[in-house]
Amino acid sequence: MSRTGEASAGGLAPARQTFALSSRWAFRLALCLLAATGVYILLSYGQHGISNDEEVQHVYGRLLVDFYASGFADRSAFAYKNLYLYGGLFDLIAAALERVVPMNVWDLRHLLSAAFGLAGMAGTWLLARRLAGRGHLGDAGLAEWAGLAALVLLLVTGAWSGAMFTHTKDVPFATAMVWALYFTVRVVPALPRPPLAEVMGLGVSFGCAFGLRVGAVFAVFYLGVAMLVAAWQAADNGRARAAFLLRAIAALWPAIAVAVALMAVFWPWSVLAPGNLYTAMTTFSHFAFQLDTILDGVVMKNGEVPASYLSRYLLVRLPELFLLALALAGLAGLRALPQLGSSAAARRSALPWLPAVLAASFPLAYTVLAAPPLYNGIRHFTFLLPPLAALGGVGLAAAWLRAARWPRGRVLAAAGCMLLAVGHLVTLARLHPYEYLAYNGFTGGLRGTVERWEQDYWGLSLRELTGQLEAFVSHEGTPPRRYLVAVCAESLQAAAWLDERFTVTRDWRAADFFLSPTHMDCHTAVRGSVIGEVVRDGVTLGLMRDRRMLVGEERTPR
């Protein structure tokens, strides 16, 4: 070994020993963090409003329950809007629980969605631990700290920890996808004879992913590419590689059977005709309708967004610590590249990284090349966050290990990372319960999003506004009467929280009161005195107008 190699090894060895000695603490801290998140979910699930899509999703779930309760005779679910193009795993569970759990159904959905979010955090933790324990980085202590770091990254990201209550399609799908990736990472190195338990885990996770969205084909792609590379590494001629691949496919037949069965249960339309799965894939590849979105101050139709839309939203939505972690992960990856050419064993040990890197990068490349219709920022690609967090967690742990030769510097760096994490948590606390609106310093935080980036696109501020309206009318002390309320959103988003004094109307001209999120300037659609606001971090997210002195006038911008 050269002097440089000896110095390097000598510098890294104490760090590895430190990791090993403290790995139990990292493991315990991760479990405590998951438990604390669970407590937070139980304390706050009842504080979130209803999203724009939630009513139709829940109707779809009820129709699926009716389909099974009728002995497959009632097929109304397959003619309801375009919901049949989606899997119904979440909505079917929520609709079934609605019949037996005595609580507000919307709070029930938010609790269930957050439980999925917690499961996604657990999957991210396990994925980061598994990756950090493989390849040239392989170290048990490093793996525990990488897992903890990945958990922290996901927790301080409002697009996950805030969205997990109300993004009832996106977060459950992301959770199924990260578990599918975790089992892919475990199964691929063991091919062509992986353990049956891991094969079954692969099947369950894939089935749940397809039971939510046809976008689960991404997970099939990651697995397929990894299997082809594994076959290439396993032999040196085409016949042997083909034989390896056939044995691997045969070993995965139980997973395929389980996945198809679960997909059929949670998304029955997908198996009613041979071409339905392909129809869903092609429909969503070109799915467009008239909806405005905004990108750095420019308003555009969702079908006209530039190829950079998703990447630019990721740059402003991910916390600074998350972006730093990804940069460190990229550097660690570049340093690892020479190792791949050193030996066949090194290449085999790096194989689990392939599906993880694909999961974090391929969907982004897809949006650049295919330019699909996009809106609501990163919402439809929430499933990118767990693999990115796992890679970022490994990047942070690997950087700490590599910086062993500069003990003072890395202590300062660790303190800086901790301060960043605390700062992100403070930001989320200030936004509560609208953490899903968190932006990083590149936009100037939430203040910098006004008329530049997506804000309360789900209209969640309406729940708080309804409480303000009830208090306002009660404070007036006028004789009881019925009031008409107009809402710049789906009627249910306000009606679900208003008492019997109020009726939601679609006739804005006749309304006594008008409630609206400020997103895309909908609050300026009608006139009236401002009598209530929802404000976070100096930004008005929702607004309430009293129109009683104007009833009967034409709607005019104010």
Protein backbone atom coordinates (compact mmCIF):
# COMPACT_ATOMS: atom_id res chain seq x y z
CA MET A 1 0.00 0.00 0.00
CA SER A 2 1.27 3.51 -0.81
CA ARG A 3 1.92 6.12 1.87
CA THR A 4 -1.15 7.98 0.67
CA GLY A 5 -3.23 4.83 0.98
CA GLU A 6 -1.82 4.17 4.46
CA ALA A 7 -2.64 7.70 5.53
CA SER A 8 -6.08 7.44 4.10
CA ALA A 9 -6.73 4.11 5.75
CA GLY A 10 -5.29 5.36 9.00
CA GLY A 11 -7.55 8.39 8.91
CA LEU A 12 -10.69 6.43 8.10
CA ALA A 13 -10.15 3.56 10.53
CA PRO A 14 -10.81 5.60 13.72
CA ALA A 15 -13.89 7.07 12.08
CA ARG A 16 -15.22 3.59 11.26
CA GLN A 17 -14.59 2.57 14.88
CA THR A 18 -16.50 5.62 16.05
CA PHE A 19 -19.39 4.70 13.77
CA ALA A 20 -19.39 1.15 15.09
CA LEU A 21 -19.37 2.28 18.72
CA SER A 22 -22.18 4.78 18.21
CA SER A 23 -24.34 2.78 15.79
CA ARG A 24 -26.62 1.59 18.58
CA TRP A 25 -27.34 5.21 19.46
CA ALA A 26 -28.15 5.97 15.83
CA PHE A 27 -30.52 3.00 15.71
CA ARG A 28 -32.24 4.08 18.91
CA LEU A 29 -32.50 7.68 17.76
CA ALA A 30 -34.10 6.56 14.50
CA LEU A 31 -36.70 4.50 16.37
CA CYS A 32 -37.38 7.45 18.69
CA LEU A 33 -37.79 9.74 15.68
CA LEU A 34 -40.29 7.37 14.09
CA ALA A 35 -42.17 7.07 17.38
CA ALA A 36 -42.21 10.85 17.86
CA THR A 37 -43.56 11.27 14.34
CA GLY A 38 -46.29 8.78 15.16
CA VAL A 39 -47.25 10.80 18.25
CA TYR A 40 -47.26 13.99 16.19
CA ILE A 41 -49.61 12.34 13.69
CA LEU A 42 -52.03 11.34 16.44
CA LEU A 43 -52.01 14.85 17.87
CA SER A 44 -52.44 16.79 14.64
CA TYR A 45 -54.32 14.70 12.07
CA GLY A 46 -57.57 16.52 12.87
CA GLN A 47 -56.22 19.96 11.96
CA HIS A 48 -56.03 19.60 8.18
CA GLY A 49 -58.48 20.70 5.51
CA ILE A 50 -59.92 18.65 2.68
CA SER A 51 -58.01 18.67 -0.60
CA ASN A 52 -59.55 19.47 -3.99
CA ASP A 53 -59.45 15.83 -5.14
CA GLU A 54 -60.48 14.18 -1.92
CA GLU A 55 -64.25 14.07 -2.43
CA VAL A 56 -64.09 12.26 -5.78
CA GLN A 57 -61.41 9.91 -4.48
CA HIS A 58 -63.56 8.92 -1.54
CA VAL A 59 -66.62 8.44 -3.75
CA TYR A 60 -64.49 6.12 -5.87
CA GLY A 61 -63.54 4.18 -2.74
CA ARG A 62 -67.19 3.83 -1.75
CA LEU A 63 -68.05 2.59 -5.23
CA LEU A 64 -65.31 -0.02 -5.00
CA VAL A 65 -66.74 -1.18 -1.69
CA ASP A 66 -70.14 -1.42 -3.39
CA PHE A 67 -68.56 -3.45 -6.20
CA TYR A 68 -67.37 -6.09 -3.75
CA ALA A 69 -70.44 -5.89 -1.50
CA SER A 70 -72.69 -6.54 -4.52
CA GLY A 71 -70.78 -9.64 -5.50
CA PHE A 72 -69.10 -7.81 -8.43
CA ALA A 73 -72.50 -6.80 -9.88
CA ASP A 74 -72.36 -3.04 -9.19
CA ARG A 75 -69.77 -1.67 -11.63
CA SER A 76 -70.46 2.02 -11.12
CA ALA A 77 -66.85 2.52 -10.03
CA PHE A 78 -65.66 1.85 -13.57
CA ALA A 79 -67.81 4.61 -15.04
CA TYR A 80 -67.14 7.29 -12.41
CA LYS A 81 -65.27 10.18 -14.03
CA ASN A 82 -61.72 8.97 -14.84
CA LEU A 83 -61.02 7.46 -11.44
CA TYR A 84 -61.02 3.94 -12.84
CA LEU A 85 -57.62 4.80 -14.35
CA TYR A 86 -56.24 4.88 -10.80
CA GLY A 87 -55.81 2.09 -8.33
CA GLY A 88 -58.07 2.33 -5.30
CA LEU A 89 -55.98 0.82 -2.51
CA PHE A 90 -56.11 3.86 -0.23
CA ASP A 91 -59.67 4.89 -1.05
CA LEU A 92 -60.98 1.33 -0.71
CA ILE A 93 -59.43 1.00 2.75
CA ALA A 94 -60.72 4.43 3.81
CA ALA A 95 -64.25 3.69 2.57
CA ALA A 96 -64.28 0.33 4.33
CA LEU A 97 -63.04 1.87 7.60
CA GLU A 98 -65.68 4.58 7.31
CA ARG A 99 -68.35 1.93 7.90
CA VAL A 100 -66.88 0.74 11.19
CA VAL A 101 -64.83 3.63 12.67
CA PRO A 102 -66.98 6.27 14.43
CA MET A 103 -65.10 9.44 13.47
CA ASN A 104 -65.21 12.21 10.89
CA VAL A 105 -64.44 10.52 7.59
CA TRP A 106 -62.11 13.28 6.39
CA ASP A 107 -60.08 13.19 9.58
CA LEU A 108 -60.04 9.41 9.22
CA ARG A 109 -58.60 9.74 5.72
CA HIS A 110 -55.93 12.16 6.93
CA LEU A 111 -54.96 9.85 9.78
CA LEU A 112 -54.73 6.91 7.38
CA SER A 113 -52.72 8.93 4.85
CA ALA A 114 -50.29 10.06 7.55
CA ALA A 115 -49.89 6.43 8.63
CA PHE A 116 -48.82 5.66 5.07
CA GLY A 117 -46.41 8.58 5.30
CA LEU A 118 -44.90 7.14 8.47
CA ALA A 119 -44.51 3.77 6.74
CA GLY A 120 -42.75 5.58 3.90
CA MET A 121 -40.31 7.10 6.38
CA ALA A 122 -39.62 3.66 7.80
CA GLY A 123 -38.99 2.31 4.29
CA THR A 124 -36.62 5.18 3.54
CA TRP A 125 -34.72 4.48 6.75
CA LEU A 126 -34.34 0.80 5.91
CA LEU A 127 -33.33 1.59 2.33
CA ALA A 128 -30.58 4.00 3.41
CA ARG A 129 -29.28 1.48 5.97
CA ARG A 130 -29.21 -1.23 3.34
CA LEU A 131 -27.39 0.91 0.78
CA ALA A 132 -24.80 2.21 3.23
CA GLY A 133 -24.01 -1.34 4.27
CA ARG A 134 -23.25 -2.42 0.71
CA GLY A 135 -20.45 -1.71 -1.75
CA HIS A 136 -17.13 -0.09 -0.89
CA LEU A 137 -18.90 2.02 1.78
CA GLY A 138 -20.11 -1.13 3.56
CA ASP A 139 -20.04 -0.49 7.30
CA ALA A 140 -22.63 -1.33 9.94
CA GLY A 141 -22.09 1.85 11.92
CA LEU A 142 -22.18 3.98 8.80
CA ALA A 143 -25.42 2.29 7.77
CA GLU A 144 -27.18 3.25 11.01
CA TRP A 145 -26.18 6.89 10.76
CA ALA A 146 -27.08 7.01 7.07
CA GLY A 147 -30.54 5.69 7.93
CA LEU A 148 -30.98 8.28 10.67
CA ALA A 149 -29.84 11.06 8.34
CA ALA A 150 -32.30 9.93 5.66
CA LEU A 151 -35.11 10.02 8.21
CA VAL A 152 -34.19 13.56 9.25
CA LEU A 153 -34.08 14.72 5.63
CA LEU A 154 -37.56 13.40 4.95
CA LEU A 155 -38.94 14.78 8.20
CA VAL A 156 -37.70 18.35 7.60
CA THR A 157 -39.11 18.34 4.06
CA GLY A 158 -42.57 19.88 4.15
CA ALA A 159 -43.40 18.29 0.80
CA TRP A 160 -43.39 15.01 2.73
CA SER A 161 -44.01 15.59 6.44
CA GLY A 162 -46.69 18.21 5.73
CA ALA A 163 -48.13 16.61 2.63
CA MET A 164 -48.53 13.17 4.19
CA PHE A 165 -51.85 14.16 5.82
CA THR A 166 -53.66 15.40 2.72
CA HIS A 167 -51.90 14.09 -0.39
CA THR A 168 -53.87 10.89 -0.18
CA LYS A 169 -52.90 9.65 -3.66
CA ASP A 170 -49.31 10.83 -3.77
CA VAL A 171 -47.90 9.85 -0.37
CA PRO A 172 -49.36 6.31 -0.21
CA PHE A 173 -48.03 5.68 -3.72
CA ALA A 174 -44.61 7.03 -2.76
CA THR A 175 -44.63 4.73 0.27
CA ALA A 176 -45.43 1.66 -1.82
CA MET A 177 -42.70 2.65 -4.27
CA VAL A 178 -39.98 3.03 -1.64
CA TRP A 179 -40.83 -0.38 -0.20
CA ALA A 180 -40.75 -1.84 -3.72
CA LEU A 181 -37.30 -0.28 -4.14
CA TYR A 182 -36.14 -1.60 -0.76
CA PHE A 183 -37.07 -5.17 -1.65
CA THR A 184 -35.57 -4.75 -5.12
CA VAL A 185 -32.29 -3.72 -3.49
CA ARG A 186 -32.44 -6.83 -1.31
CA VAL A 187 -33.53 -9.29 -4.00
CA VAL A 188 -31.24 -8.36 -6.90
CA PRO A 189 -27.88 -9.29 -5.27
CA ALA A 190 -29.32 -12.69 -4.28
CA LEU A 191 -30.41 -13.64 -7.81
CA PRO A 192 -30.98 -16.18 -9.24
CA ARG A 193 -32.12 -17.75 -5.93
CA PRO A 194 -33.33 -14.98 -3.60
CA PRO A 195 -34.94 -15.88 -0.24
CA LEU A 196 -38.66 -16.52 -0.52
CA ALA A 197 -39.51 -14.00 2.22
CA GLU A 198 -37.88 -11.21 0.25
CA VAL A 199 -39.54 -12.35 -2.97
CA MET A 200 -42.91 -12.17 -1.24
CA GLY A 201 -42.09 -8.72 0.12
CA LEU A 202 -41.29 -7.66 -3.41
CA GLY A 203 -44.63 -8.98 -4.63
CA VAL A 204 -46.64 -7.27 -1.89
CA SER A 205 -44.94 -3.91 -2.41
CA PHE A 206 -45.29 -4.06 -6.19
CA GLY A 207 -48.94 -5.09 -5.89
CA CYS A 208 -49.68 -2.19 -3.54
CA ALA A 209 -47.89 0.25 -5.85
CA PHE A 210 -49.93 -0.88 -8.86
CA GLY A 211 -52.98 -0.82 -6.60
CA LEU A 212 -52.49 2.94 -6.36
CA ARG A 213 -51.11 4.14 -9.69
CA VAL A 214 -49.99 2.76 -13.00
CA GLY A 215 -46.80 4.75 -12.44
CA ALA A 216 -45.58 1.64 -10.62
CA VAL A 217 -44.18 0.63 -14.02
CA PHE A 218 -41.17 2.72 -12.98
CA ALA A 219 -40.46 0.15 -10.25
CA VAL A 220 -40.70 -2.66 -12.81
CA PHE A 221 -38.17 -0.80 -14.96
CA TYR A 222 -35.69 -0.44 -12.08
CA LEU A 223 -35.98 -4.14 -11.27
CA GLY A 224 -35.66 -5.17 -14.92
CA VAL A 225 -32.52 -3.12 -15.53
CA ALA A 226 -30.92 -4.43 -12.34
CA MET A 227 -31.74 -8.02 -13.35
CA LEU A 228 -30.15 -7.54 -16.78
CA VAL A 229 -26.99 -6.13 -15.21
CA ALA A 230 -26.91 -8.98 -12.68
CA ALA A 231 -27.15 -11.49 -15.53
CA TRP A 232 -24.36 -9.72 -17.41
CA GLN A 233 -22.11 -9.84 -14.35
CA ALA A 234 -22.90 -13.48 -13.56
CA ALA A 235 -21.48 -14.98 -16.76
CA ASP A 236 -19.19 -14.23 -19.67
CA ASN A 237 -21.27 -15.51 -22.59
CA GLY A 238 -24.76 -14.94 -23.92
CA ARG A 239 -26.10 -18.46 -23.28
CA ALA A 240 -25.05 -18.47 -19.63
CA ARG A 241 -26.45 -14.99 -19.11
CA ALA A 242 -29.77 -15.99 -20.65
CA ALA A 243 -29.90 -19.07 -18.42
CA PHE A 244 -29.21 -16.91 -15.35
CA LEU A 245 -31.97 -14.52 -16.34
CA LEU A 246 -34.48 -17.33 -16.88
CA ARG A 247 -33.67 -18.82 -13.46
CA ALA A 248 -34.07 -15.38 -11.88
CA ILE A 249 -37.45 -14.84 -13.52
CA ALA A 250 -38.59 -18.28 -12.40
CA ALA A 251 -37.56 -17.45 -8.84
CA LEU A 252 -39.65 -14.26 -8.95
CA TRP A 253 -42.86 -15.97 -10.11
CA PRO A 254 -44.34 -15.92 -6.58
CA ALA A 255 -43.79 -12.16 -6.48
CA ILE A 256 -45.45 -11.73 -9.86
CA ALA A 257 -48.46 -13.78 -8.76
CA VAL A 258 -48.86 -11.83 -5.50
CA ALA A 259 -48.45 -8.48 -7.27
CA VAL A 260 -51.07 -9.29 -9.91
CA ALA A 261 -53.49 -10.59 -7.28
CA LEU A 262 -53.18 -7.45 -5.15
CA MET A 263 -53.46 -5.22 -8.20
CA ALA A 264 -56.66 -7.04 -9.14
CA VAL A 265 -58.11 -6.54 -5.65
CA PHE A 266 -57.27 -2.86 -5.30
CA TRP A 267 -57.64 -1.90 -8.96
CA PRO A 268 -60.17 -4.34 -10.42
CA TRP A 269 -60.63 -2.35 -13.65
CA SER A 270 -57.01 -3.12 -14.58
CA VAL A 271 -57.80 -6.82 -15.02
CA LEU A 272 -61.29 -6.59 -16.55
CA ALA A 273 -59.80 -6.48 -20.05
CA PRO A 274 -56.34 -7.42 -21.35
CA GLY A 275 -55.55 -3.93 -22.65
CA ASN A 276 -56.67 -1.88 -19.64
CA LEU A 277 -53.24 -1.60 -18.06
CA TYR A 278 -51.78 -0.34 -21.35
CA THR A 279 -54.69 2.07 -21.74
CA ALA A 280 -53.97 3.59 -18.32
CA MET A 281 -50.26 3.98 -19.11
CA THR A 282 -50.82 5.67 -22.47
CA THR A 283 -53.62 7.87 -21.13
CA PHE A 284 -51.48 9.34 -18.39
CA SER A 285 -48.53 9.84 -20.73
CA HIS A 286 -50.65 12.35 -22.66
CA PHE A 287 -53.13 13.36 -19.98
CA ALA A 288 -53.93 17.07 -20.23
CA PHE A 289 -56.74 19.42 -19.31
CA GLN A 290 -57.14 23.15 -18.90
CA LEU A 291 -55.42 23.94 -15.62
CA ASP A 292 -53.08 26.82 -14.87
CA THR A 293 -49.82 26.44 -13.02
CA ILE A 294 -47.09 28.93 -12.19
CA LEU A 295 -43.31 28.63 -12.51
CA ASP A 296 -41.04 31.40 -11.22
CA GLY A 297 -43.65 34.07 -11.85
CA VAL A 298 -44.88 32.81 -15.23
CA VAL A 299 -48.45 31.47 -15.41
CA MET A 300 -48.97 28.74 -18.01
CA LYS A 301 -51.23 25.84 -18.91
CA ASN A 302 -50.25 22.50 -17.41
CA GLY A 303 -49.68 21.06 -20.87
CA GLU A 304 -47.27 23.85 -21.76
CA VAL A 305 -44.79 23.56 -18.90
CA PRO A 306 -41.09 23.48 -19.87
CA ALA A 307 -38.95 20.37 -19.50
CA SER A 308 -37.24 21.98 -16.51
CA TYR A 309 -40.50 22.33 -14.51
CA LEU A 310 -39.95 19.46 -12.07
CA SER A 311 -36.22 20.02 -11.56
CA ARG A 312 -36.77 23.73 -10.83
CA TYR A 313 -39.50 22.95 -8.33
CA LEU A 314 -37.26 20.41 -6.61
CA LEU A 315 -34.54 23.07 -6.29
CA VAL A 316 -36.88 25.40 -4.42
CA ARG A 317 -38.95 22.86 -2.48
CA LEU A 318 -36.17 20.70 -1.01
CA PRO A 319 -34.62 22.13 2.18
CA GLU A 320 -31.05 23.40 1.96
CA LEU A 321 -29.83 20.48 4.09
CA PHE A 322 -31.44 18.06 1.65
CA LEU A 323 -29.75 19.73 -1.33
CA LEU A 324 -26.40 19.66 0.48
CA ALA A 325 -26.86 15.97 1.23
CA LEU A 326 -27.59 15.23 -2.43
CA ALA A 327 -24.48 17.14 -3.49
CA LEU A 328 -22.39 15.09 -1.04
CA ALA A 329 -24.01 11.90 -2.33
CA GLY A 330 -23.06 12.90 -5.86
CA LEU A 331 -19.44 13.47 -4.81
CA ALA A 332 -19.36 10.11 -3.03
CA GLY A 333 -20.71 8.48 -6.19
CA LEU A 334 -18.02 10.08 -8.34
CA ARG A 335 -15.31 8.89 -5.93
CA ALA A 336 -16.76 5.38 -6.07
CA LEU A 337 -16.69 5.13 -9.87
CA PRO A 338 -13.01 4.07 -10.11
CA GLN A 339 -13.79 1.24 -7.69
CA LEU A 340 -16.18 -0.29 -10.23
CA GLY A 341 -13.35 -0.96 -12.64
CA SER A 342 -11.08 -2.53 -10.07
CA SER A 343 -12.67 -5.98 -9.90
CA ALA A 344 -15.76 -8.03 -10.66
CA ALA A 345 -16.40 -8.35 -6.92
CA ALA A 346 -16.54 -4.56 -6.59
CA ARG A 347 -19.04 -4.35 -9.42
CA ARG A 348 -21.23 -7.04 -7.86
CA SER A 349 -21.17 -5.30 -4.48
CA ALA A 350 -22.27 -2.06 -6.14
CA LEU A 351 -25.24 -3.69 -7.90
CA PRO A 352 -27.84 -2.74 -5.23
CA TRP A 353 -27.04 0.90 -5.87
CA LEU A 354 -28.22 0.70 -9.46
CA PRO A 355 -32.00 0.56 -8.82
CA ALA A 356 -31.69 3.20 -6.11
CA VAL A 357 -29.88 5.62 -8.40
CA LEU A 358 -32.40 4.91 -11.16
CA ALA A 359 -35.30 5.56 -8.77
CA ALA A 360 -33.82 8.94 -7.84
CA SER A 361 -32.94 10.06 -11.36
CA PHE A 362 -34.95 8.29 -14.05
CA PRO A 363 -38.37 9.93 -13.34
CA LEU A 364 -36.68 13.32 -13.51
CA ALA A 365 -35.09 12.40 -16.84
CA TYR A 366 -38.48 11.16 -18.04
CA THR A 367 -40.09 14.57 -17.42
CA VAL A 368 -37.27 16.26 -19.32
CA LEU A 369 -37.51 13.95 -22.33
CA ALA A 370 -41.27 13.25 -22.48
CA ALA A 371 -42.49 16.65 -21.22
CA PRO A 372 -45.74 15.31 -19.69
CA PRO A 373 -48.37 17.77 -18.38
CA LEU A 374 -47.41 18.90 -14.87
CA TYR A 375 -48.88 21.13 -12.18
CA ASN A 376 -48.92 21.56 -8.39
CA GLY A 377 -45.12 21.64 -8.27
CA ILE A 378 -43.64 18.27 -7.28
CA ARG A 379 -46.91 16.71 -6.07
CA HIS A 380 -47.20 14.05 -8.76
CA PHE A 381 -43.56 13.07 -8.24
CA THR A 382 -43.64 12.87 -4.46
CA PHE A 383 -42.34 9.30 -4.92
CA LEU A 384 -38.95 10.83 -5.78
CA LEU A 385 -38.45 12.11 -2.24
CA PRO A 386 -37.78 8.80 -0.39
CA PRO A 387 -35.02 7.52 -2.73
CA LEU A 388 -33.49 11.01 -2.84
CA ALA A 389 -33.54 11.14 0.97
CA ALA A 390 -31.95 7.68 1.20
CA LEU A 391 -29.12 8.70 -1.13
CA GLY A 392 -28.77 12.00 0.71
CA GLY A 393 -28.54 10.22 4.05
CA VAL A 394 -25.75 8.01 2.72
CA GLY A 395 -24.04 11.10 1.31
CA LEU A 396 -24.03 12.84 4.69
CA ALA A 397 -22.73 9.76 6.53
CA ALA A 398 -20.04 9.11 3.89
CA ALA A 399 -18.87 12.74 4.06
CA TRP A 400 -18.56 12.50 7.84
CA LEU A 401 -16.53 9.33 7.48
CA ARG A 402 -14.26 10.84 4.85
CA ALA A 403 -13.65 14.00 6.89
CA ALA A 404 -12.03 12.01 9.71
CA ARG A 405 -8.66 13.65 9.01
CA TRP A 406 -10.14 17.07 9.86
CA PRO A 407 -11.77 16.49 13.26
CA ARG A 408 -12.43 20.12 14.11
CA GLY A 409 -13.76 20.93 10.70
CA ARG A 410 -16.20 18.06 10.63
CA VAL A 411 -17.48 18.90 14.10
CA LEU A 412 -18.22 22.41 12.85
CA ALA A 413 -19.83 20.95 9.72
CA ALA A 414 -21.98 18.63 11.83
CA ALA A 415 -23.04 21.56 14.00
CA GLY A 416 -23.96 23.50 10.87
CA CYS A 417 -26.07 20.61 9.60
CA MET A 418 -27.83 20.37 12.95
CA LEU A 419 -28.57 24.10 12.89
CA LEU A 420 -29.97 23.77 9.37
CA ALA A 421 -32.20 20.89 10.47
CA VAL A 422 -33.46 22.85 13.48
CA GLY A 423 -34.08 25.87 11.26
CA HIS A 424 -36.12 23.75 8.87
CA LEU A 425 -38.19 22.38 11.75
CA VAL A 426 -38.83 25.90 13.04
CA THR A 427 -40.03 26.91 9.57
CA LEU A 428 -42.42 23.95 9.49
CA ALA A 429 -43.72 24.80 12.96
CA ARG A 430 -44.44 28.38 11.84
CA LEU A 431 -46.38 27.11 8.83
CA HIS A 432 -48.45 24.51 10.73
CA PRO A 433 -50.75 22.99 9.56
CA TYR A 434 -49.66 24.11 6.10
CA GLU A 435 -46.18 22.58 6.18
CA TYR A 436 -46.67 21.29 2.66
CA LEU A 437 -46.11 24.89 1.48
CA ALA A 438 -42.53 25.08 2.76
CA TYR A 439 -39.97 26.50 0.33
CA ASN A 440 -36.25 26.96 0.85
CA GLY A 441 -34.16 30.13 0.91
CA PHE A 442 -33.68 30.17 -2.86
CA THR A 443 -37.18 31.66 -3.12
CA GLY A 444 -36.91 33.65 0.11
CA GLY A 445 -39.09 31.11 1.88
CA LEU A 446 -42.87 31.28 1.68
CA ARG A 447 -42.69 35.08 1.38
CA GLY A 448 -40.88 34.73 -1.92
CA THR A 449 -43.57 32.52 -3.45
CA VAL A 450 -46.21 35.23 -3.79
CA GLU A 451 -47.18 35.43 -7.46
CA ARG A 452 -44.13 33.33 -8.34
CA TRP A 453 -44.65 29.72 -7.19
CA GLU A 454 -47.50 27.36 -6.30
CA GLN A 455 -49.02 28.13 -2.90
CA ASP A 456 -52.12 26.62 -1.23
CA TYR A 457 -53.15 24.65 -4.33
CA TRP A 458 -55.13 22.19 -2.19
CA GLY A 459 -57.24 24.95 -0.58
CA LEU A 460 -56.48 23.59 2.89
CA SER A 461 -56.82 27.07 4.42
CA LEU A 462 -60.59 26.83 3.92
CA ARG A 463 -61.01 24.79 7.09
CA GLU A 464 -59.49 27.57 9.17
CA LEU A 465 -61.57 30.16 7.32
CA THR A 466 -64.80 28.31 8.12
CA GLY A 467 -63.93 28.49 11.80
CA GLN A 468 -63.34 32.23 11.48
CA LEU A 469 -66.68 32.67 9.67
CA GLU A 470 -68.63 30.84 12.37
CA ALA A 471 -66.95 32.94 15.05
CA PHE A 472 -67.60 36.16 13.12
CA VAL A 473 -71.34 35.49 12.71
CA SER A 474 -71.67 34.39 16.34
CA HIS A 475 -69.94 37.58 17.51
CA GLU A 476 -72.44 39.74 15.56
CA GLY A 477 -75.24 38.49 17.78
CA THR A 478 -77.85 38.86 15.03
CA PRO A 479 -81.01 36.69 15.04
CA PRO A 480 -80.35 33.20 13.62
CA ARG A 481 -80.75 32.93 9.86
CA ARG A 482 -79.37 30.98 6.93
CA TYR A 483 -76.33 32.40 5.18
CA LEU A 484 -75.14 31.55 1.69
CA VAL A 485 -71.41 30.95 1.36
CA ALA A 486 -69.47 30.85 -1.92
CA VAL A 487 -66.17 29.02 -2.10
CA CYS A 488 -63.39 29.25 -4.66
CA ALA A 489 -62.84 25.50 -4.40
CA GLU A 490 -64.95 22.37 -4.21
CA SER A 491 -68.09 23.01 -2.15
CA LEU A 492 -67.31 20.16 0.25
CA GLN A 493 -64.05 21.78 1.32
CA ALA A 494 -66.09 24.35 3.26
CA ALA A 495 -69.43 22.58 3.72
CA ALA A 496 -67.83 19.74 5.69
CA TRP A 497 -66.83 22.14 8.48
CA LEU A 498 -69.68 24.71 8.53
CA ASP A 499 -72.62 24.37 10.92
CA GLU A 500 -76.33 24.47 10.07
CA ARG A 501 -76.40 28.28 9.78
CA PHE A 502 -74.52 28.13 6.48
CA THR A 503 -75.24 26.71 3.04
CA VAL A 504 -72.56 26.56 0.37
CA THR A 505 -73.76 27.90 -2.98
CA ARG A 506 -72.28 27.88 -6.45
CA ASP A 507 -74.00 31.18 -7.21
CA TRP A 508 -71.27 33.56 -6.14
CA ARG A 509 -73.44 36.56 -7.02
CA ALA A 510 -76.01 35.59 -4.38
CA ALA A 511 -73.53 34.68 -1.64
CA ASP A 512 -73.42 36.46 1.71
CA PHE A 513 -69.84 35.42 2.31
CA PHE A 514 -66.98 34.38 0.06
CA LEU A 515 -64.10 32.10 1.12
CA SER A 516 -61.03 31.54 -1.03
CA PRO A 517 -57.38 30.55 -0.99
CA THR A 518 -55.19 33.25 -2.51
CA HIS A 519 -53.54 30.77 -4.88
CA MET A 520 -53.76 31.93 -8.51
CA ASP A 521 -55.58 35.12 -7.33
CA CYS A 522 -58.96 33.47 -6.91
CA HIS A 523 -59.64 35.69 -3.89
CA THR A 524 -59.94 38.70 -6.23
CA ALA A 525 -62.84 37.20 -8.21
CA VAL A 526 -65.58 38.98 -6.24
CA ARG A 527 -65.98 42.11 -4.18
CA GLY A 528 -66.68 42.38 -0.47
CA SER A 529 -65.20 43.55 2.81
CA VAL A 530 -62.29 41.46 4.05
CA ILE A 531 -63.30 40.09 7.45
CA GLY A 532 -60.84 37.23 7.89
CA GLU A 533 -57.49 35.90 6.70
CA VAL A 534 -55.28 32.88 7.11
CA VAL A 535 -51.71 34.11 7.38
CA ARG A 536 -48.48 32.21 7.80
CA ASP A 537 -44.99 33.69 7.79
CA GLY A 538 -46.40 37.03 6.63
CA VAL A 539 -48.18 35.52 3.61
CA THR A 540 -51.96 35.48 3.24
CA LEU A 541 -52.96 31.95 2.25
CA GLY A 542 -56.73 32.34 2.48
CA LEU A 543 -59.20 35.20 2.66
CA MET A 544 -62.84 35.75 3.67
CA ARG A 545 -65.15 38.48 2.36
CA ASP A 546 -68.48 39.78 3.67
CA ARG A 547 -70.73 40.44 0.64
CA ARG A 548 -74.04 41.08 2.34
CA MET A 549 -74.12 44.72 1.33
CA LEU A 550 -73.33 43.72 -2.28
CA VAL A 551 -75.72 40.81 -2.87
CA GLY A 552 -77.24 41.09 -6.33
CA GLU A 553 -74.37 43.04 -7.90
CA GLU A 554 -72.32 41.65 -10.76
CA ARG A 555 -69.07 39.93 -9.88
CA THR A 556 -66.26 42.38 -10.53
CA PRO A 557 -62.55 42.12 -9.70
CA ARG A 558 -61.43 44.14 -6.78
